[in-house]
Amino acid sequence: MSDIRVASRYAKSLIELAGEKGVLEQVHQDMLLFSSVVAQNRGFELLLTNPVIKSDKKLKVINSIFTGKVQPMTLLFFNLVAQKNREAVLLPMTAEFEKQYNEVKGIQIATVTSAYPLAPTQRESLIKRLTAETGKSIQLKESVDPALIGGFVLRVGDQQIDSSVRNSLRKLRNDFKDNSYINKL
């Protein structure tokens, strides 16, 4: 079975259990903490994915790092995953957990790339419009790419709206390559 499917199933079971116990928000914060620890420490990520290191050693490291910092249920979950020799799935599982958490909470991730940073009024207007169109709470991730020249590229789910000057120039260049104007003369 692929790691993504395994991670998805573990994440689903953790979300359901945390929801039943009423600690979903705390477990969500624990998953964010775990992701940040892995992102900041490449050695920890390599430890988790290394097949040569035994699971009991990995479990000791996980316990030493997260004991007292996370919900007891989260720590038990980490222990269960380690006992099943699935430590390598922990990182993809946190990404799947975040994705499924957003679905449960009705949160939609939108990514906007613009040539210049968005003004607060533009940001609020964009969030308001996307909320009205999707019916979900919008979490906006912004990035700046000066190569766009002007305008923006908006990604919501699997949809993309490219309203950048760079895209308009590319379309115009392709139109001129067709030479459809010469035939009309």
N, C-alpha and C. Protein backbone atom coordinates (compact mmCIF):
# COMPACT_ATOMS: atom_id res chain seq x y z
N MET A 1 0.85 -1.17 0.00
CA MET A 1 0.00 0.00 0.00
C MET A 1 0.89 1.24 0.00
N SER A 2 0.51 2.25 -0.76
CA SER A 2 1.34 3.44 -0.87
C SER A 2 1.35 4.23 0.43
N ASP A 3 2.41 5.01 0.60
CA ASP A 3 2.55 5.81 1.83
C ASP A 3 1.44 6.83 1.96
N ILE A 4 0.97 7.37 0.85
CA ILE A 4 -0.08 8.38 0.90
C ILE A 4 -1.38 7.76 1.43
N ARG A 5 -1.70 6.58 0.96
CA ARG A 5 -2.93 5.92 1.43
C ARG A 5 -2.81 5.57 2.91
N VAL A 6 -1.66 5.08 3.32
CA VAL A 6 -1.45 4.75 4.73
C VAL A 6 -1.54 6.01 5.58
N ALA A 7 -0.88 7.07 5.13
CA ALA A 7 -0.90 8.33 5.86
C ALA A 7 -2.31 8.88 5.96
N SER A 8 -3.07 8.75 4.89
CA SER A 8 -4.45 9.24 4.88
C SER A 8 -5.31 8.47 5.88
N ARG A 9 -5.12 7.18 5.94
CA ARG A 9 -5.91 6.37 6.88
C ARG A 9 -5.54 6.66 8.33
N TYR A 10 -4.25 6.79 8.60
CA TYR A 10 -3.83 7.15 9.96
C TYR A 10 -4.36 8.53 10.35
N ALA A 11 -4.29 9.48 9.43
CA ALA A 11 -4.76 10.83 9.71
C ALA A 11 -6.27 10.83 9.97
N LYS A 12 -7.00 10.07 9.17
CA LYS A 12 -8.46 10.00 9.36
C LYS A 12 -8.81 9.41 10.71
N SER A 13 -8.11 8.36 11.10
CA SER A 13 -8.40 7.74 12.39
C SER A 13 -8.05 8.69 13.54
N LEU A 14 -6.96 9.44 13.40
CA LEU A 14 -6.58 10.39 14.44
C LEU A 14 -7.60 11.52 14.55
N ILE A 15 -8.07 12.02 13.42
CA ILE A 15 -9.08 13.09 13.44
C ILE A 15 -10.36 12.60 14.09
N GLU A 16 -10.79 11.41 13.72
CA GLU A 16 -12.03 10.87 14.29
C GLU A 16 -11.89 10.66 15.80
N LEU A 17 -10.77 10.11 16.23
CA LEU A 17 -10.57 9.86 17.65
C LEU A 17 -10.47 11.17 18.43
N ALA A 18 -9.74 12.14 17.89
CA ALA A 18 -9.60 13.44 18.55
C ALA A 18 -10.95 14.15 18.62
N GLY A 19 -11.75 14.02 17.57
CA GLY A 19 -13.08 14.62 17.57
C GLY A 19 -13.98 13.99 18.63
N GLU A 20 -13.90 12.66 18.77
CA GLU A 20 -14.70 11.97 19.79
C GLU A 20 -14.28 12.39 21.19
N LYS A 21 -12.98 12.56 21.40
CA LYS A 21 -12.47 12.92 22.73
C LYS A 21 -12.55 14.42 23.01
N GLY A 22 -12.87 15.22 21.98
CA GLY A 22 -13.00 16.66 22.15
C GLY A 22 -11.67 17.40 22.24
N VAL A 23 -10.63 16.83 21.67
CA VAL A 23 -9.31 17.47 21.70
C VAL A 23 -8.76 17.70 20.30
N LEU A 24 -9.65 17.91 19.34
CA LEU A 24 -9.22 18.06 17.96
C LEU A 24 -8.32 19.28 17.77
N GLU A 25 -8.65 20.39 18.40
CA GLU A 25 -7.84 21.60 18.24
C GLU A 25 -6.44 21.41 18.81
N GLN A 26 -6.34 20.75 19.98
CA GLN A 26 -5.03 20.52 20.58
C GLN A 26 -4.19 19.57 19.72
N VAL A 27 -4.83 18.54 19.18
CA VAL A 27 -4.11 17.59 18.33
C VAL A 27 -3.67 18.29 17.04
N HIS A 28 -4.50 19.19 16.53
CA HIS A 28 -4.12 19.96 15.34
C HIS A 28 -2.86 20.79 15.64
N GLN A 29 -2.83 21.43 16.79
CA GLN A 29 -1.64 22.20 17.18
C GLN A 29 -0.42 21.28 17.33
N ASP A 30 -0.63 20.06 17.84
CA ASP A 30 0.46 19.10 17.97
C ASP A 30 1.01 18.69 16.60
N MET A 31 0.13 18.52 15.64
CA MET A 31 0.57 18.16 14.28
C MET A 31 1.36 19.31 13.65
N LEU A 32 0.92 20.54 13.91
CA LEU A 32 1.67 21.70 13.40
C LEU A 32 3.04 21.77 14.06
N LEU A 33 3.11 21.47 15.35
CA LEU A 33 4.39 21.44 16.06
C LEU A 33 5.30 20.37 15.47
N PHE A 34 4.75 19.19 15.23
CA PHE A 34 5.53 18.10 14.66
C PHE A 34 6.09 18.51 13.29
N SER A 35 5.24 19.10 12.46
CA SER A 35 5.68 19.54 11.13
C SER A 35 6.79 20.57 11.22
N SER A 36 6.65 21.51 12.15
CA SER A 36 7.69 22.54 12.28
C SER A 36 9.00 21.96 12.80
N VAL A 37 8.94 20.99 13.71
CA VAL A 37 10.15 20.35 14.22
C VAL A 37 10.87 19.62 13.08
N VAL A 38 10.11 18.91 12.26
CA VAL A 38 10.71 18.19 11.14
C VAL A 38 11.28 19.17 10.12
N ALA A 39 10.56 20.26 9.86
CA ALA A 39 11.03 21.25 8.88
C ALA A 39 12.31 21.94 9.35
N GLN A 40 12.45 22.15 10.64
CA GLN A 40 13.61 22.84 11.17
C GLN A 40 14.80 21.92 11.42
N ASN A 41 14.57 20.62 11.44
CA ASN A 41 15.64 19.69 11.79
C ASN A 41 15.71 18.57 10.77
N ARG A 42 16.57 18.73 9.80
CA ARG A 42 16.73 17.73 8.73
C ARG A 42 17.19 16.39 9.29
N GLY A 43 17.99 16.39 10.33
CA GLY A 43 18.46 15.16 10.94
C GLY A 43 17.32 14.33 11.51
N PHE A 44 16.33 15.00 12.09
CA PHE A 44 15.17 14.29 12.65
C PHE A 44 14.36 13.64 11.53
N GLU A 45 14.21 14.36 10.42
CA GLU A 45 13.49 13.79 9.27
C GLU A 45 14.24 12.57 8.73
N LEU A 46 15.55 12.67 8.62
CA LEU A 46 16.35 11.54 8.14
C LEU A 46 16.27 10.35 9.09
N LEU A 47 16.21 10.63 10.38
CA LEU A 47 16.07 9.57 11.37
C LEU A 47 14.76 8.82 11.17
N LEU A 48 13.68 9.56 10.97
CA LEU A 48 12.37 8.93 10.82
C LEU A 48 12.28 8.07 9.56
N THR A 49 12.94 8.48 8.51
CA THR A 49 12.84 7.76 7.24
C THR A 49 13.92 6.71 7.03
N ASN A 50 14.89 6.64 7.94
CA ASN A 50 16.00 5.70 7.78
C ASN A 50 15.56 4.29 8.15
N PRO A 51 15.61 3.34 7.21
CA PRO A 51 15.17 1.97 7.50
C PRO A 51 16.18 1.18 8.34
N VAL A 52 17.41 1.66 8.46
CA VAL A 52 18.44 0.93 9.20
C VAL A 52 18.24 1.10 10.72
N ILE A 53 17.79 2.26 11.12
CA ILE A 53 17.59 2.53 12.56
C ILE A 53 16.33 1.82 13.02
N LYS A 54 16.44 1.13 14.12
CA LYS A 54 15.32 0.34 14.65
C LYS A 54 14.23 1.24 15.21
N SER A 55 13.02 0.72 15.19
CA SER A 55 11.84 1.49 15.63
C SER A 55 11.91 1.90 17.09
N ASP A 56 12.49 1.03 17.95
CA ASP A 56 12.55 1.38 19.36
C ASP A 56 13.45 2.59 19.60
N LYS A 57 14.51 2.74 18.82
CA LYS A 57 15.38 3.92 18.92
C LYS A 57 14.64 5.17 18.45
N LYS A 58 13.91 5.04 17.35
CA LYS A 58 13.13 6.16 16.84
C LYS A 58 12.06 6.57 17.86
N LEU A 59 11.46 5.58 18.48
CA LEU A 59 10.42 5.84 19.48
C LEU A 59 10.99 6.59 20.68
N LYS A 60 12.20 6.23 21.10
CA LYS A 60 12.84 6.94 22.21
C LYS A 60 13.09 8.40 21.86
N VAL A 61 13.54 8.65 20.63
CA VAL A 61 13.80 10.02 20.20
C VAL A 61 12.48 10.81 20.15
N ILE A 62 11.44 10.21 19.59
CA ILE A 62 10.14 10.88 19.50
C ILE A 62 9.63 11.21 20.90
N ASN A 63 9.72 10.25 21.80
CA ASN A 63 9.25 10.48 23.17
C ASN A 63 10.07 11.55 23.88
N SER A 64 11.38 11.54 23.68
CA SER A 64 12.21 12.54 24.35
C SER A 64 11.92 13.95 23.83
N ILE A 65 11.59 14.08 22.56
CA ILE A 65 11.30 15.40 22.00
C ILE A 65 9.92 15.90 22.39
N PHE A 66 8.91 15.03 22.33
CA PHE A 66 7.53 15.49 22.44
C PHE A 66 6.85 15.24 23.77
N THR A 67 7.46 14.52 24.69
CA THR A 67 6.84 14.29 25.99
C THR A 67 6.69 15.61 26.72
N GLY A 68 5.49 15.88 27.17
CA GLY A 68 5.19 17.12 27.90
C GLY A 68 4.87 18.30 27.00
N LYS A 69 5.09 18.16 25.71
CA LYS A 69 4.83 19.27 24.78
C LYS A 69 3.58 19.05 23.96
N VAL A 70 3.12 17.81 23.89
CA VAL A 70 1.94 17.50 23.11
C VAL A 70 0.89 16.80 23.98
N GLN A 71 -0.30 16.74 23.44
CA GLN A 71 -1.41 16.05 24.09
C GLN A 71 -1.04 14.59 24.32
N PRO A 72 -1.42 14.00 25.46
CA PRO A 72 -1.08 12.58 25.69
C PRO A 72 -1.61 11.66 24.59
N MET A 73 -2.77 11.98 24.04
CA MET A 73 -3.31 11.15 22.96
C MET A 73 -2.41 11.22 21.72
N THR A 74 -1.86 12.38 21.42
CA THR A 74 -0.97 12.53 20.28
C THR A 74 0.30 11.70 20.50
N LEU A 75 0.83 11.75 21.71
CA LEU A 75 2.03 10.97 22.01
C LEU A 75 1.74 9.47 21.90
N LEU A 76 0.58 9.03 22.37
CA LEU A 76 0.20 7.62 22.22
C LEU A 76 0.06 7.25 20.75
N PHE A 77 -0.45 8.18 19.97
CA PHE A 77 -0.58 7.94 18.53
C PHE A 77 0.79 7.79 17.88
N PHE A 78 1.73 8.67 18.24
CA PHE A 78 3.10 8.56 17.72
C PHE A 78 3.69 7.20 18.11
N ASN A 79 3.45 6.78 19.34
CA ASN A 79 3.96 5.49 19.81
C ASN A 79 3.36 4.34 19.00
N LEU A 80 2.06 4.42 18.72
CA LEU A 80 1.39 3.38 17.95
C LEU A 80 1.98 3.29 16.55
N VAL A 81 2.18 4.43 15.92
CA VAL A 81 2.75 4.45 14.57
C VAL A 81 4.16 3.87 14.59
N ALA A 82 4.94 4.20 15.61
CA ALA A 82 6.31 3.67 15.71
C ALA A 82 6.30 2.17 15.97
N GLN A 83 5.37 1.69 16.78
CA GLN A 83 5.29 0.26 17.05
C GLN A 83 4.93 -0.54 15.80
N LYS A 84 4.21 0.10 14.88
CA LYS A 84 3.83 -0.55 13.64
C LYS A 84 4.89 -0.37 12.54
N ASN A 85 6.05 0.17 12.92
CA ASN A 85 7.17 0.42 11.99
C ASN A 85 6.76 1.33 10.84
N ARG A 86 5.98 2.36 11.14
CA ARG A 86 5.50 3.29 10.12
C ARG A 86 5.98 4.72 10.39
N GLU A 87 7.15 4.88 10.99
CA GLU A 87 7.65 6.21 11.34
C GLU A 87 7.86 7.07 10.09
N ALA A 88 8.21 6.44 8.99
CA ALA A 88 8.44 7.18 7.75
C ALA A 88 7.16 7.83 7.24
N VAL A 89 6.02 7.36 7.71
CA VAL A 89 4.73 7.88 7.26
C VAL A 89 4.29 9.07 8.11
N LEU A 90 4.99 9.34 9.19
CA LEU A 90 4.57 10.43 10.08
C LEU A 90 4.53 11.78 9.39
N LEU A 91 5.52 12.09 8.59
CA LEU A 91 5.53 13.40 7.92
C LEU A 91 4.41 13.52 6.88
N PRO A 92 4.23 12.55 5.97
CA PRO A 92 3.08 12.65 5.07
C PRO A 92 1.75 12.63 5.82
N MET A 93 1.73 11.93 6.97
CA MET A 93 0.51 11.87 7.76
C MET A 93 0.14 13.23 8.32
N THR A 94 1.12 14.05 8.69
CA THR A 94 0.79 15.38 9.20
C THR A 94 0.21 16.25 8.08
N ALA A 95 0.70 16.09 6.86
CA ALA A 95 0.14 16.84 5.73
C ALA A 95 -1.29 16.38 5.44
N GLU A 96 -1.52 15.08 5.49
CA GLU A 96 -2.87 14.56 5.29
C GLU A 96 -3.80 14.99 6.43
N PHE A 97 -3.26 15.01 7.63
CA PHE A 97 -4.06 15.46 8.78
C PHE A 97 -4.52 16.90 8.56
N GLU A 98 -3.61 17.76 8.12
CA GLU A 98 -3.94 19.16 7.87
C GLU A 98 -5.02 19.28 6.80
N LYS A 99 -4.88 18.49 5.74
CA LYS A 99 -5.85 18.51 4.65
C LYS A 99 -7.23 18.07 5.14
N GLN A 100 -7.29 16.99 5.88
CA GLN A 100 -8.56 16.49 6.37
C GLN A 100 -9.14 17.39 7.47
N TYR A 101 -8.29 17.99 8.27
CA TYR A 101 -8.74 18.94 9.28
C TYR A 101 -9.43 20.13 8.61
N ASN A 102 -8.83 20.63 7.53
CA ASN A 102 -9.43 21.75 6.80
C ASN A 102 -10.79 21.37 6.23
N GLU A 103 -10.92 20.14 5.76
CA GLU A 103 -12.22 19.68 5.25
C GLU A 103 -13.25 19.62 6.36
N VAL A 104 -12.86 19.10 7.52
CA VAL A 104 -13.78 18.99 8.65
C VAL A 104 -14.23 20.37 9.12
N LYS A 105 -13.30 21.31 9.16
CA LYS A 105 -13.59 22.66 9.65
C LYS A 105 -14.14 23.58 8.58
N GLY A 106 -14.22 23.14 7.33
CA GLY A 106 -14.73 23.97 6.25
C GLY A 106 -13.79 25.09 5.86
N ILE A 107 -12.51 24.80 5.86
CA ILE A 107 -11.49 25.79 5.51
C ILE A 107 -10.97 25.48 4.11
N GLN A 108 -10.91 26.49 3.26
CA GLN A 108 -10.37 26.35 1.92
C GLN A 108 -9.07 27.14 1.82
N ILE A 109 -8.02 26.51 1.34
CA ILE A 109 -6.73 27.18 1.17
C ILE A 109 -6.73 27.84 -0.21
N ALA A 110 -6.40 29.11 -0.24
CA ALA A 110 -6.26 29.85 -1.49
C ALA A 110 -4.86 30.44 -1.53
N THR A 111 -4.21 30.31 -2.67
CA THR A 111 -2.86 30.84 -2.84
C THR A 111 -2.91 31.95 -3.88
N VAL A 112 -2.42 33.11 -3.52
CA VAL A 112 -2.37 34.22 -4.46
C VAL A 112 -0.91 34.65 -4.62
N THR A 113 -0.49 34.75 -5.88
CA THR A 113 0.84 35.23 -6.21
C THR A 113 0.66 36.53 -6.98
N SER A 114 1.30 37.57 -6.51
CA SER A 114 1.16 38.87 -7.16
C SER A 114 2.53 39.49 -7.39
N ALA A 115 2.55 40.51 -8.22
CA ALA A 115 3.81 41.18 -8.53
C ALA A 115 4.28 42.01 -7.35
N TYR A 116 3.34 42.52 -6.57
CA TYR A 116 3.64 43.34 -5.39
C TYR A 116 2.81 42.81 -4.23
N PRO A 117 3.22 43.06 -3.00
CA PRO A 117 2.42 42.62 -1.85
C PRO A 117 1.01 43.22 -1.90
N LEU A 118 0.02 42.43 -1.51
CA LEU A 118 -1.36 42.90 -1.51
C LEU A 118 -1.57 43.93 -0.41
N ALA A 119 -2.38 44.93 -0.73
CA ALA A 119 -2.79 45.91 0.28
C ALA A 119 -3.85 45.24 1.16
N PRO A 120 -3.97 45.69 2.42
CA PRO A 120 -4.97 45.08 3.30
C PRO A 120 -6.40 45.11 2.73
N THR A 121 -6.76 46.17 2.03
CA THR A 121 -8.11 46.24 1.45
C THR A 121 -8.27 45.22 0.33
N GLN A 122 -7.21 45.02 -0.47
CA GLN A 122 -7.27 44.01 -1.53
C GLN A 122 -7.40 42.62 -0.94
N ARG A 123 -6.65 42.37 0.13
CA ARG A 123 -6.68 41.07 0.80
C ARG A 123 -8.08 40.79 1.34
N GLU A 124 -8.66 41.76 2.03
CA GLU A 124 -10.00 41.58 2.60
C GLU A 124 -11.04 41.38 1.52
N SER A 125 -10.94 42.14 0.44
CA SER A 125 -11.88 42.03 -0.66
C SER A 125 -11.79 40.65 -1.31
N LEU A 126 -10.57 40.17 -1.52
CA LEU A 126 -10.36 38.85 -2.12
C LEU A 126 -10.91 37.75 -1.22
N ILE A 127 -10.64 37.83 0.07
CA ILE A 127 -11.14 36.82 1.00
C ILE A 127 -12.66 36.84 1.03
N LYS A 128 -13.25 38.02 1.05
CA LYS A 128 -14.71 38.14 1.10
C LYS A 128 -15.34 37.53 -0.15
N ARG A 129 -14.76 37.82 -1.31
CA ARG A 129 -15.31 37.31 -2.57
C ARG A 129 -15.16 35.79 -2.66
N LEU A 130 -14.00 35.26 -2.26
CA LEU A 130 -13.79 33.81 -2.30
C LEU A 130 -14.69 33.09 -1.31
N THR A 131 -14.91 33.69 -0.14
CA THR A 131 -15.81 33.10 0.84
C THR A 131 -17.22 33.01 0.28
N ALA A 132 -17.65 34.06 -0.41
CA ALA A 132 -18.99 34.06 -1.00
C ALA A 132 -19.11 33.01 -2.10
N GLU A 133 -18.06 32.84 -2.90
CA GLU A 133 -18.12 31.89 -4.01
C GLU A 133 -18.00 30.44 -3.56
N THR A 134 -17.13 30.18 -2.57
CA THR A 134 -16.91 28.79 -2.16
C THR A 134 -17.82 28.36 -1.02
N GLY A 135 -18.28 29.32 -0.23
CA GLY A 135 -19.09 28.97 0.94
C GLY A 135 -18.26 28.42 2.08
N LYS A 136 -16.97 28.57 1.99
CA LYS A 136 -16.06 28.08 3.03
C LYS A 136 -15.24 29.23 3.58
N SER A 137 -14.67 29.00 4.73
CA SER A 137 -13.74 29.96 5.32
C SER A 137 -12.44 29.89 4.53
N ILE A 138 -11.91 31.03 4.16
CA ILE A 138 -10.73 31.08 3.29
C ILE A 138 -9.48 31.37 4.12
N GLN A 139 -8.45 30.57 3.88
CA GLN A 139 -7.14 30.81 4.47
C GLN A 139 -6.23 31.18 3.30
N LEU A 140 -5.82 32.44 3.27
CA LEU A 140 -5.08 32.97 2.13
C LEU A 140 -3.58 32.88 2.37
N LYS A 141 -2.88 32.29 1.42
CA LYS A 141 -1.42 32.24 1.44
C LYS A 141 -0.94 33.14 0.32
N GLU A 142 -0.08 34.08 0.67
CA GLU A 142 0.39 35.06 -0.30
C GLU A 142 1.85 34.85 -0.63
N SER A 143 2.18 35.14 -1.88
CA SER A 143 3.58 35.16 -2.29
C SER A 143 3.75 36.26 -3.33
N VAL A 144 4.98 36.74 -3.47
CA VAL A 144 5.29 37.82 -4.39
C VAL A 144 6.25 37.29 -5.45
N ASP A 145 5.90 37.54 -6.72
CA ASP A 145 6.75 37.16 -7.85
C ASP A 145 6.83 38.34 -8.80
N PRO A 146 7.92 39.12 -8.76
CA PRO A 146 8.04 40.30 -9.63
C PRO A 146 7.99 39.97 -11.11
N ALA A 147 8.23 38.71 -11.48
CA ALA A 147 8.20 38.32 -12.89
C ALA A 147 6.79 38.41 -13.48
N LEU A 148 5.78 38.51 -12.65
CA LEU A 148 4.41 38.64 -13.14
C LEU A 148 4.16 40.01 -13.77
N ILE A 149 4.99 40.97 -13.47
CA ILE A 149 4.94 42.35 -13.93
C ILE A 149 3.78 43.09 -13.29
N GLY A 150 2.61 42.54 -13.32
CA GLY A 150 1.42 43.14 -12.71
C GLY A 150 0.34 42.08 -12.63
N GLY A 151 -0.74 42.36 -11.90
CA GLY A 151 -1.83 41.40 -11.77
C GLY A 151 -1.53 40.34 -10.73
N PHE A 152 -2.20 39.18 -10.87
CA PHE A 152 -2.05 38.12 -9.87
C PHE A 152 -2.38 36.76 -10.49
N VAL A 153 -1.97 35.71 -9.79
CA VAL A 153 -2.35 34.34 -10.10
C VAL A 153 -2.99 33.79 -8.83
N LEU A 154 -4.23 33.33 -8.96
CA LEU A 154 -4.98 32.83 -7.81
C LEU A 154 -5.25 31.35 -8.00
N ARG A 155 -4.93 30.56 -6.99
CA ARG A 155 -5.21 29.12 -7.01
C ARG A 155 -6.10 28.78 -5.83
N VAL A 156 -7.26 28.19 -6.13
CA VAL A 156 -8.19 27.72 -5.10
C VAL A 156 -8.54 26.29 -5.45
N GLY A 157 -8.09 25.36 -4.62
CA GLY A 157 -8.31 23.95 -4.92
C GLY A 157 -7.59 23.57 -6.20
N ASP A 158 -8.36 23.06 -7.17
CA ASP A 158 -7.75 22.68 -8.44
C ASP A 158 -8.03 23.71 -9.54
N GLN A 159 -8.51 24.88 -9.16
CA GLN A 159 -8.76 25.94 -10.13
C GLN A 159 -7.67 27.01 -10.05
N GLN A 160 -7.38 27.60 -11.20
CA GLN A 160 -6.39 28.66 -11.24
C GLN A 160 -6.90 29.79 -12.12
N ILE A 161 -6.76 31.00 -11.63
CA ILE A 161 -7.09 32.19 -12.40
C ILE A 161 -5.79 32.97 -12.57
N ASP A 162 -5.36 33.10 -13.82
CA ASP A 162 -4.12 33.81 -14.12
C ASP A 162 -4.48 35.14 -14.75
N SER A 163 -4.43 36.18 -13.97
CA SER A 163 -4.77 37.53 -14.43
C SER A 163 -3.53 38.41 -14.37
N SER A 164 -2.41 37.84 -14.79
CA SER A 164 -1.16 38.58 -14.72
C SER A 164 -0.82 39.19 -16.07
N VAL A 165 -0.01 40.22 -16.04
CA VAL A 165 0.45 40.86 -17.27
C VAL A 165 1.34 39.89 -18.04
N ARG A 166 2.13 39.10 -17.34
CA ARG A 166 2.99 38.12 -18.00
C ARG A 166 2.17 37.14 -18.82
N ASN A 167 1.04 36.67 -18.28
CA ASN A 167 0.18 35.74 -19.00
C ASN A 167 -0.46 36.42 -20.21
N SER A 168 -0.87 37.66 -20.05
CA SER A 168 -1.46 38.40 -21.18
C SER A 168 -0.44 38.58 -22.30
N LEU A 169 0.80 38.91 -21.95
CA LEU A 169 1.85 39.04 -22.96
C LEU A 169 2.16 37.71 -23.64
N ARG A 170 2.13 36.63 -22.88
CA ARG A 170 2.37 35.30 -23.45
C ARG A 170 1.28 34.95 -24.46
N LYS A 171 0.02 35.24 -24.11
CA LYS A 171 -1.09 34.97 -25.03
C LYS A 171 -0.96 35.81 -26.29
N LEU A 172 -0.60 37.07 -26.13
CA LEU A 172 -0.42 37.96 -27.28
C LEU A 172 0.70 37.47 -28.18
N ARG A 173 1.81 37.02 -27.59
CA ARG A 173 2.94 36.48 -28.35
C ARG A 173 2.50 35.25 -29.15
N ASN A 174 1.71 34.37 -28.53
CA ASN A 174 1.23 33.18 -29.23
C ASN A 174 0.28 33.55 -30.36
N ASP A 175 -0.52 34.57 -30.18
CA ASP A 175 -1.42 35.03 -31.24
C ASP A 175 -0.62 35.53 -32.44
N PHE A 176 0.45 36.26 -32.17
CA PHE A 176 1.27 36.76 -33.27
C PHE A 176 2.04 35.64 -33.96
N LYS A 177 2.36 34.58 -33.27
CA LYS A 177 3.04 33.45 -33.88
C LYS A 177 2.15 32.76 -34.91
N ASP A 178 0.85 32.77 -34.67
CA ASP A 178 -0.08 32.12 -35.59
C ASP A 178 -0.16 32.84 -36.93
N ASN A 179 0.19 34.13 -36.94
CA ASN A 179 0.14 34.94 -38.15
C ASN A 179 -1.26 34.96 -38.77
N SER A 180 -2.28 34.91 -37.98
CA SER A 180 -3.64 34.97 -38.50
C SER A 180 -3.94 36.34 -39.09
N TYR A 181 -3.16 37.34 -38.74
CA TYR A 181 -3.39 38.68 -39.25
C TYR A 181 -2.94 38.82 -40.72
N ILE A 182 -1.95 38.07 -41.13
CA ILE A 182 -1.45 38.11 -42.49
C ILE A 182 -2.49 37.56 -43.46
N ASN A 183 -3.19 36.52 -43.08
CA ASN A 183 -4.20 35.93 -43.95
C ASN A 183 -5.36 36.88 -44.23
N LYS A 184 -5.61 37.79 -43.34
CA LYS A 184 -6.75 38.69 -43.49
C LYS A 184 -6.42 39.87 -44.40
N LEU A 185 -5.19 40.06 -44.77
CA LEU A 185 -4.82 41.19 -45.63
C LEU A 185 -5.17 40.95 -47.02
